[in-house]
Amino acid sequence: MTRDGAWMPVLAALALRLAAILLSDRVVADVLRYRRVAAHVLDVSWNPYLAPRLYPYPPAWVWVEAGCEWLARHSGLSFAVLVKLPVLGAEIAIVVLLARLGRDLGGAARWAPWIYALHPVAVLVSGFHGQFDSLALLTMLYAIHASARGAHDRAALSLAAGIAIKSFPILVVPAFVLRMTGTAARARFVGLATLPVALLLVPYLAHDAGAVSRELFGYGGVADFGWIGAWRGLQYISDGTVARGEARFHAPLVAIAKVLFLAAWAGIVAWMARRHLVVAVLAVLVAFVAVYGALSAQYLLWVIPLAVLRPDRWLTIYSVFATAALVGFYLFLAPGVLTPAGANEGAGVVWVAGTVLTVAASASWLVSIARNASQAGQGIDADPRRNTTV
């Protein structure tokens, strides 16, 4: 793909996501939660963790929510559109960065910006749903790009920015650290990736540590997808009732899922220490989707930006099943996200089938990655340098 041609997927991504945002200009589902949090911050307390079960994220995103609500109140502009614009910006930046990473990797990776620009999971989660995982995924991609060039400080700070938005990038920090040599360099990387987030949390912890512990550290996910979500869906097929999805309603299963994932995570991080950084990070994220059972819709997006850099049949299989699961879920359990209509009972079967097949595909994909992972020292991760540049 030529440098001039690199703008074509950017324009395609912009058109698709902007259309999705405008077609879903409704304050429903998570967008409604964003607005409730914003109202709490603007009208009740600056601490979002005092609002029970509304804000399970690190503190950075709350100020986007509050800023968008303030602007909507004073301008008359749509909150649902405003709050999705930072996500749109992140999605476009991901496509631009994928074009650069694809050129570095060569081969099929050159198609990465096009695959991501047109990917239905990205459009559904970022455009229609309005979840903001794209911002954290962008920081992870940039960290890979920086680390490949020996700019380890920049990589660590990029991960810190991602962790401050959504906590899941902390899962891939060891994949970076274990590729470095020297205790001091590794400690520096961990410090730069985590201490800024800790400092951001200090005012909230000082104000009400119990609320932060309950709302942020105590969050266990929602079993809309994953193997617990699949079990929940099969129960619906069996008796026609839909159990609540929050982790507290599946506490024993969530506890098992945490143990299983932590064991899988430790093994994957150690085994992938000498493999290609893109593959190592992808393996961690695929393992989360496959093993941790209480997944929300947006978690299905995590693997896509990394997977498009090494497209294979498992990306295609996963994409088909995840798209079906998301469409079924939105129509059945999150009415208003895709269309203004109410819940579509028939879509429940699509959600359940898609969720079960997505779990199976994720597990098979993880096995495939483990068998075929490329060796370290190839592509964009060639010749990792010990010295840090900024």
Protein backbone atom coordinates (compact mmCIF):
# COMPACT_ATOMS: atom_id res chain seq x y z
CA MET A 1 0.00 0.00 0.00
CA THR A 2 1.43 3.39 -1.01
CA ARG A 3 1.64 6.31 1.38
CA ASP A 4 -0.97 8.16 -0.69
CA GLY A 5 -3.23 5.11 -0.57
CA ALA A 6 -2.96 4.96 3.21
CA TRP A 7 -5.58 7.72 3.46
CA MET A 8 -8.25 5.58 1.80
CA PRO A 9 -8.83 3.27 4.79
CA VAL A 10 -8.80 6.33 7.06
CA LEU A 11 -11.62 7.89 5.05
CA ALA A 12 -13.51 4.58 4.98
CA ALA A 13 -13.17 4.22 8.75
CA LEU A 14 -14.33 7.80 9.29
CA ALA A 15 -17.37 7.39 7.04
CA LEU A 16 -18.52 4.11 8.59
CA ARG A 17 -18.08 5.18 12.19
CA LEU A 18 -19.53 8.64 11.73
CA ALA A 19 -22.58 7.10 10.07
CA ALA A 20 -22.93 4.68 12.99
CA ILE A 21 -22.67 7.54 15.51
CA LEU A 22 -25.31 9.62 13.76
CA LEU A 23 -27.64 6.64 13.29
CA SER A 24 -27.40 5.78 16.99
CA ASP A 25 -27.93 9.25 18.43
CA ARG A 26 -29.73 7.88 21.49
CA VAL A 27 -28.93 8.01 25.20
CA VAL A 28 -29.24 4.30 25.95
CA ALA A 29 -27.17 1.48 27.45
CA ASP A 30 -23.62 2.60 28.32
CA VAL A 31 -24.16 6.08 26.87
CA LEU A 32 -26.94 6.50 29.44
CA ARG A 33 -24.51 5.38 32.15
CA TYR A 34 -21.97 7.94 30.91
CA ARG A 35 -24.57 10.67 31.24
CA ARG A 36 -25.58 9.57 34.72
CA VAL A 37 -21.96 9.63 35.82
CA ALA A 38 -21.50 13.06 34.25
CA ALA A 39 -24.57 14.38 36.04
CA HIS A 40 -23.23 12.99 39.31
CA VAL A 41 -19.87 14.69 38.82
CA LEU A 42 -21.37 18.03 37.75
CA ASP A 43 -24.25 18.15 40.23
CA VAL A 44 -23.42 15.93 43.22
CA SER A 45 -19.74 15.13 43.77
CA TRP A 46 -16.48 15.28 41.83
CA ASN A 47 -15.83 11.68 42.90
CA PRO A 48 -17.55 9.27 40.46
CA TYR A 49 -16.85 6.28 42.69
CA LEU A 50 -19.45 7.51 45.17
CA ALA A 51 -22.19 6.62 42.67
CA PRO A 52 -22.89 2.90 43.18
CA ARG A 53 -22.39 0.62 40.16
CA LEU A 54 -22.00 3.43 37.65
CA TYR A 55 -18.29 3.97 37.11
CA PRO A 56 -15.98 0.90 37.21
CA TYR A 57 -13.11 2.53 35.30
CA PRO A 58 -9.89 4.36 36.18
CA PRO A 59 -10.40 8.11 36.64
CA ALA A 60 -9.34 9.60 33.29
CA TRP A 61 -12.50 8.92 31.29
CA VAL A 62 -14.89 10.50 33.78
CA TRP A 63 -13.73 13.96 32.82
CA VAL A 64 -14.56 13.27 29.18
CA GLU A 65 -18.07 12.30 30.27
CA ALA A 66 -18.41 15.40 32.44
CA GLY A 67 -17.01 17.68 29.75
CA CYS A 68 -19.40 16.32 27.13
CA GLU A 69 -22.38 16.71 29.46
CA TRP A 70 -21.36 20.30 30.30
CA LEU A 71 -21.01 21.10 26.60
CA ALA A 72 -24.33 19.45 25.79
CA ARG A 73 -26.07 21.48 28.48
CA HIS A 74 -24.60 24.77 27.30
CA SER A 75 -24.75 24.23 23.56
CA GLY A 76 -27.76 22.03 22.93
CA LEU A 77 -25.59 19.53 21.08
CA SER A 78 -26.31 15.84 21.44
CA PHE A 79 -24.55 14.18 24.37
CA ALA A 80 -24.69 10.82 22.61
CA VAL A 81 -22.76 12.24 19.66
CA LEU A 82 -20.32 14.32 21.70
CA VAL A 83 -19.25 11.48 23.99
CA LYS A 84 -18.47 9.24 21.01
CA LEU A 85 -16.24 11.77 19.25
CA PRO A 86 -13.09 10.95 21.29
CA VAL A 87 -13.71 7.29 20.45
CA LEU A 88 -14.03 8.20 16.78
CA GLY A 89 -10.70 10.03 16.99
CA ALA A 90 -9.05 6.98 18.56
CA GLU A 91 -10.45 4.70 15.88
CA ILE A 92 -9.05 6.91 13.13
CA ALA A 93 -5.68 7.07 14.90
CA ILE A 94 -5.65 3.27 15.14
CA VAL A 95 -6.12 2.99 11.38
CA VAL A 96 -3.28 5.47 10.78
CA LEU A 97 -0.98 3.62 13.17
CA LEU A 98 -1.89 0.26 11.66
CA ALA A 99 -0.84 1.61 8.27
CA ARG A 100 2.60 2.41 9.66
CA LEU A 101 2.92 -0.88 11.54
CA GLY A 102 1.72 -2.75 8.48
CA ARG A 103 4.43 -1.18 6.35
CA ASP A 104 7.02 -2.19 8.94
CA LEU A 105 5.83 -5.77 9.12
CA GLY A 106 5.17 -6.21 5.41
CA GLY A 107 3.28 -9.06 3.82
CA ALA A 108 -0.37 -9.51 4.77
CA ALA A 109 0.03 -6.95 7.56
CA ARG A 110 -0.10 -4.23 4.90
CA TRP A 111 -3.84 -4.84 4.73
CA ALA A 112 -4.25 -4.19 8.46
CA PRO A 113 -5.62 -0.62 8.13
CA TRP A 114 -8.24 -1.76 5.62
CA ILE A 115 -9.28 -4.77 7.66
CA TYR A 116 -9.70 -2.68 10.78
CA ALA A 117 -11.38 0.22 8.99
CA LEU A 118 -14.08 -2.11 7.66
CA HIS A 119 -14.27 -4.47 10.63
CA PRO A 120 -17.85 -4.86 11.88
CA VAL A 121 -16.86 -5.49 15.51
CA ALA A 122 -15.01 -2.15 15.62
CA VAL A 123 -17.93 -0.31 14.02
CA LEU A 124 -20.48 -1.93 16.34
CA VAL A 125 -18.56 -1.38 19.58
CA SER A 126 -17.12 2.07 18.87
CA GLY A 127 -19.72 3.61 16.58
CA PHE A 128 -23.06 2.22 17.71
CA HIS A 129 -22.36 1.13 21.29
CA GLY A 130 -20.01 4.02 22.08
CA GLN A 131 -17.66 2.08 24.33
CA PHE A 132 -14.25 3.72 24.58
CA ASP A 133 -11.87 0.74 24.61
CA SER A 134 -10.38 2.07 21.38
CA LEU A 135 -8.53 4.75 23.34
CA ALA A 136 -6.75 2.14 25.44
CA LEU A 137 -6.12 -0.09 22.41
CA LEU A 138 -4.53 2.86 20.63
CA THR A 139 -2.07 3.31 23.50
CA MET A 140 -1.16 -0.39 23.33
CA LEU A 141 -0.48 -0.21 19.61
CA TYR A 142 1.65 2.87 20.04
CA ALA A 143 3.56 1.17 22.87
CA ILE A 144 4.41 -1.69 20.50
CA HIS A 145 5.49 0.80 17.85
CA ALA A 146 7.69 2.71 20.34
CA SER A 147 9.18 -0.38 21.95
CA ALA A 148 10.22 -1.74 18.56
CA ARG A 149 12.32 1.39 18.12
CA GLY A 150 13.91 1.23 21.55
CA ALA A 151 11.81 4.12 22.91
CA HIS A 152 10.88 2.21 26.03
CA ASP A 153 10.01 5.26 28.11
CA ARG A 154 7.48 6.31 25.51
CA ALA A 155 6.12 2.78 25.37
CA ALA A 156 5.68 2.65 29.13
CA LEU A 157 4.03 6.08 29.32
CA SER A 158 1.72 5.13 26.47
CA LEU A 159 0.62 2.06 28.43
CA ALA A 160 0.15 4.27 31.49
CA ALA A 161 -2.22 6.47 29.49
CA GLY A 162 -4.15 3.38 28.46
CA ILE A 163 -4.35 2.03 32.01
CA ALA A 164 -5.61 5.42 33.20
CA ILE A 165 -8.49 5.12 30.73
CA LYS A 166 -9.27 1.41 31.07
CA SER A 167 -7.28 -0.91 33.27
CA PHE A 168 -6.84 -3.86 30.86
CA PRO A 169 -3.54 -2.68 29.25
CA ILE A 170 -1.85 -3.62 32.53
CA LEU A 171 -2.25 -7.23 31.43
CA VAL A 172 0.32 -6.75 28.66
CA VAL A 173 2.96 -4.85 30.66
CA PRO A 174 4.91 -8.07 31.40
CA ALA A 175 5.04 -8.86 27.68
CA PHE A 176 7.10 -5.68 27.27
CA VAL A 177 9.12 -6.01 30.46
CA LEU A 178 10.29 -9.58 29.87
CA ARG A 179 11.78 -8.57 26.53
CA MET A 180 14.07 -6.05 28.22
CA THR A 181 17.43 -6.77 29.81
CA GLY A 182 18.53 -5.51 33.19
CA THR A 183 16.63 -5.16 36.44
CA ALA A 184 16.89 -1.37 36.44
CA ALA A 185 15.43 -1.05 32.93
CA ARG A 186 12.58 -3.38 33.81
CA ALA A 187 11.81 -1.57 37.06
CA ARG A 188 11.87 1.77 35.24
CA PHE A 189 9.37 0.49 32.66
CA VAL A 190 6.99 -0.88 35.30
CA GLY A 191 7.23 2.35 37.26
CA LEU A 192 6.49 4.56 34.27
CA ALA A 193 3.59 2.33 33.23
CA THR A 194 1.90 2.20 36.64
CA LEU A 195 2.93 5.08 38.92
CA PRO A 196 1.14 7.82 36.90
CA VAL A 197 -2.12 5.89 37.28
CA ALA A 198 -1.49 5.42 41.00
CA LEU A 199 -0.98 9.17 41.34
CA LEU A 200 -4.25 9.84 39.52
CA LEU A 201 -6.04 7.64 42.02
CA VAL A 202 -4.60 9.35 45.11
CA PRO A 203 -7.28 12.09 45.42
CA TYR A 204 -10.08 9.54 45.05
CA LEU A 205 -8.50 7.16 47.56
CA ALA A 206 -7.98 10.01 50.00
CA HIS A 207 -11.59 11.08 49.59
CA ASP A 208 -13.16 7.61 49.95
CA ALA A 209 -10.89 4.59 49.63
CA GLY A 210 -13.79 2.24 50.28
CA ALA A 211 -15.73 3.57 47.29
CA VAL A 212 -12.71 3.18 45.00
CA SER A 213 -12.14 -0.35 46.25
CA ARG A 214 -15.78 -1.28 45.74
CA GLU A 215 -16.39 0.33 42.36
CA LEU A 216 -13.01 0.00 40.64
CA PHE A 217 -11.02 -2.81 42.23
CA GLY A 218 -14.10 -4.87 43.03
CA TYR A 219 -15.47 -4.85 39.50
CA GLY A 220 -15.72 -8.36 38.04
CA GLY A 221 -17.32 -7.72 34.67
CA VAL A 222 -20.70 -8.60 33.20
CA ALA A 223 -21.42 -12.08 31.86
CA ASP A 224 -22.95 -11.07 28.54
CA PHE A 225 -20.22 -12.97 26.66
CA GLY A 226 -17.46 -15.41 27.53
CA TRP A 227 -18.10 -18.91 28.83
CA ILE A 228 -20.24 -17.67 31.72
CA GLY A 229 -22.22 -15.59 29.26
CA ALA A 230 -22.58 -18.68 27.08
CA TRP A 231 -23.89 -20.66 30.06
CA ARG A 232 -26.29 -17.83 30.87
CA GLY A 233 -27.49 -17.88 27.26
CA LEU A 234 -27.99 -21.63 27.22
CA GLN A 235 -30.11 -21.30 30.34
CA TYR A 236 -32.25 -18.80 28.43
CA ILE A 237 -32.66 -21.28 25.58
CA SER A 238 -33.61 -23.95 28.10
CA ASP A 239 -36.22 -22.17 30.22
CA GLY A 240 -36.85 -18.82 28.53
CA THR A 241 -35.59 -16.67 31.41
CA VAL A 242 -32.63 -14.31 31.24
CA ALA A 243 -30.53 -14.25 34.40
CA ARG A 244 -28.85 -11.03 35.49
CA GLY A 245 -25.41 -10.63 33.97
CA GLU A 246 -23.50 -8.74 36.66
CA ALA A 247 -20.62 -10.60 38.24
CA ARG A 248 -22.21 -10.57 41.69
CA PHE A 249 -24.96 -12.86 40.39
CA HIS A 250 -22.36 -15.40 39.23
CA ALA A 251 -19.82 -15.05 42.02
CA PRO A 252 -18.63 -18.70 42.19
CA LEU A 253 -18.19 -18.92 38.42
CA VAL A 254 -16.43 -15.53 38.27
CA ALA A 255 -14.03 -16.64 41.01
CA ILE A 256 -13.21 -19.76 38.98
CA ALA A 257 -12.78 -17.63 35.84
CA LYS A 258 -10.31 -15.35 37.62
CA VAL A 259 -8.18 -18.26 38.79
CA LEU A 260 -8.24 -19.90 35.36
CA PHE A 261 -7.29 -16.71 33.57
CA LEU A 262 -4.50 -15.77 35.96
CA ALA A 263 -2.99 -19.23 35.52
CA ALA A 264 -3.32 -19.02 31.74
CA TRP A 265 -1.99 -15.44 31.73
CA ALA A 266 1.12 -16.33 33.73
CA GLY A 267 1.89 -19.27 31.47
CA ILE A 268 1.35 -17.31 28.25
CA VAL A 269 3.43 -14.34 29.37
CA ALA A 270 6.33 -16.59 30.33
CA TRP A 271 6.10 -18.76 27.22
CA MET A 272 5.81 -15.75 24.89
CA ALA A 273 8.75 -13.88 26.43
CA ARG A 274 10.97 -14.62 23.42
CA ARG A 275 8.28 -14.38 20.76
CA HIS A 276 7.21 -11.54 18.53
CA LEU A 277 5.78 -8.71 20.64
CA VAL A 278 2.67 -8.37 18.49
CA VAL A 279 1.98 -12.08 18.89
CA ALA A 280 2.71 -12.01 22.62
CA VAL A 281 0.25 -9.16 23.23
CA LEU A 282 -2.33 -10.79 20.98
CA ALA A 283 -1.98 -14.09 22.86
CA VAL A 284 -2.68 -12.37 26.19
CA LEU A 285 -5.83 -10.70 24.83
CA VAL A 286 -7.12 -13.84 23.09
CA ALA A 287 -6.55 -15.75 26.34
CA PHE A 288 -8.68 -13.22 28.22
CA VAL A 289 -11.54 -13.57 25.76
CA ALA A 290 -11.26 -17.36 25.78
CA VAL A 291 -10.74 -18.00 29.49
CA TYR A 292 -12.28 -15.17 31.51
CA GLY A 293 -15.98 -15.88 31.49
CA ALA A 294 -17.63 -12.56 32.40
CA LEU A 295 -17.17 -10.42 29.31
CA SER A 296 -19.01 -7.29 28.24
CA ALA A 297 -19.59 -6.53 24.56
CA GLN A 298 -16.59 -4.22 24.19
CA TYR A 299 -14.14 -6.91 25.31
CA LEU A 300 -14.69 -8.67 21.99
CA LEU A 301 -12.93 -5.74 20.29
CA TRP A 302 -9.65 -6.10 22.20
CA VAL A 303 -8.09 -8.71 19.93
CA ILE A 304 -8.94 -7.07 16.61
CA PRO A 305 -6.27 -4.31 16.29
CA LEU A 306 -3.50 -6.82 17.02
CA ALA A 307 -4.99 -9.64 14.98
CA VAL A 308 -5.24 -7.58 11.79
CA LEU A 309 -1.44 -7.32 11.82
CA ARG A 310 -1.22 -11.09 11.33
CA PRO A 311 -4.50 -11.94 9.58
CA ASP A 312 -5.30 -15.63 9.38
CA ARG A 313 -8.34 -17.89 9.24
CA TRP A 314 -8.92 -17.60 12.98
CA LEU A 315 -9.37 -13.86 12.70
CA THR A 316 -12.03 -14.48 10.06
CA ILE A 317 -13.79 -17.17 12.09
CA TYR A 318 -13.70 -15.14 15.28
CA SER A 319 -14.94 -12.02 13.46
CA VAL A 320 -17.98 -13.80 12.01
CA PHE A 321 -19.03 -15.31 15.35
CA ALA A 322 -18.29 -12.18 17.41
CA THR A 323 -20.26 -10.00 14.98
CA ALA A 324 -23.25 -12.34 15.19
CA ALA A 325 -23.02 -12.41 18.98
CA LEU A 326 -22.89 -8.62 19.19
CA VAL A 327 -25.76 -8.00 16.79
CA GLY A 328 -27.91 -10.55 18.62
CA PHE A 329 -26.99 -9.06 21.99
CA TYR A 330 -27.70 -5.47 21.00
CA LEU A 331 -31.08 -6.34 19.47
CA PHE A 332 -32.11 -8.58 22.35
CA LEU A 333 -30.54 -7.29 25.56
CA ALA A 334 -29.48 -3.73 24.68
CA PRO A 335 -32.39 -2.30 22.66
CA GLY A 336 -31.75 1.15 21.29
CA VAL A 337 -28.08 0.64 20.51
CA LEU A 338 -28.58 -0.48 16.91
CA THR A 339 -32.15 0.63 16.26
CA PRO A 340 -34.76 2.70 18.11
CA ALA A 341 -36.98 -0.39 18.34
CA GLY A 342 -37.52 -2.42 21.50
CA ALA A 343 -36.06 -5.80 22.36
CA ASN A 344 -36.17 -8.39 19.59
CA GLU A 345 -36.88 -11.78 21.18
CA GLY A 346 -35.80 -13.68 18.07
CA ALA A 347 -32.33 -12.14 18.28
CA GLY A 348 -31.75 -13.93 21.57
CA VAL A 349 -30.94 -17.16 19.75
CA VAL A 350 -28.39 -15.31 17.61
CA TRP A 351 -26.77 -13.89 20.75
CA VAL A 352 -26.53 -17.29 22.40
CA ALA A 353 -25.23 -19.11 19.32
CA GLY A 354 -22.75 -16.36 18.54
CA THR A 355 -21.50 -16.28 22.14
CA VAL A 356 -20.98 -20.05 22.33
CA LEU A 357 -19.17 -20.10 18.99
CA THR A 358 -17.03 -17.08 19.91
CA VAL A 359 -15.80 -18.86 23.04
CA ALA A 360 -14.98 -21.98 21.00
CA ALA A 361 -13.24 -19.94 18.31
CA SER A 362 -11.22 -17.97 20.89
CA ALA A 363 -10.00 -21.15 22.58
CA SER A 364 -9.05 -22.69 19.24
CA TRP A 365 -7.35 -19.46 18.18
CA LEU A 366 -5.28 -19.44 21.36
CA VAL A 367 -4.13 -23.00 20.68
CA SER A 368 -3.22 -22.00 17.13
CA ILE A 369 -1.18 -19.01 18.34
CA ALA A 370 0.65 -21.20 20.84
CA ARG A 371 1.56 -23.66 18.11
CA ASN A 372 2.56 -21.20 15.44
CA ALA A 373 3.90 -18.16 17.28
CA SER A 374 6.74 -16.54 15.36
CA GLN A 375 10.15 -16.24 16.95
CA ALA A 376 11.40 -12.98 18.46
CA GLY A 377 13.53 -10.69 16.37
CA GLN A 378 11.27 -10.43 13.34
CA GLY A 379 9.40 -7.59 11.71
CA ILE A 380 8.68 -4.51 13.75
CA ASP A 381 10.15 -6.07 16.85
CA ALA A 382 13.53 -6.82 15.32
CA ASP A 383 16.66 -5.83 17.23
CA PRO A 384 15.03 -4.51 20.42
CA ARG A 385 17.46 -2.07 21.99
CA ARG A 386 18.44 -2.05 25.64
CA ASN A 387 18.92 1.70 26.01
CA THR A 388 15.83 3.80 26.45
CA THR A 389 15.10 6.74 24.19
CA VAL A 390 12.40 9.33 24.67
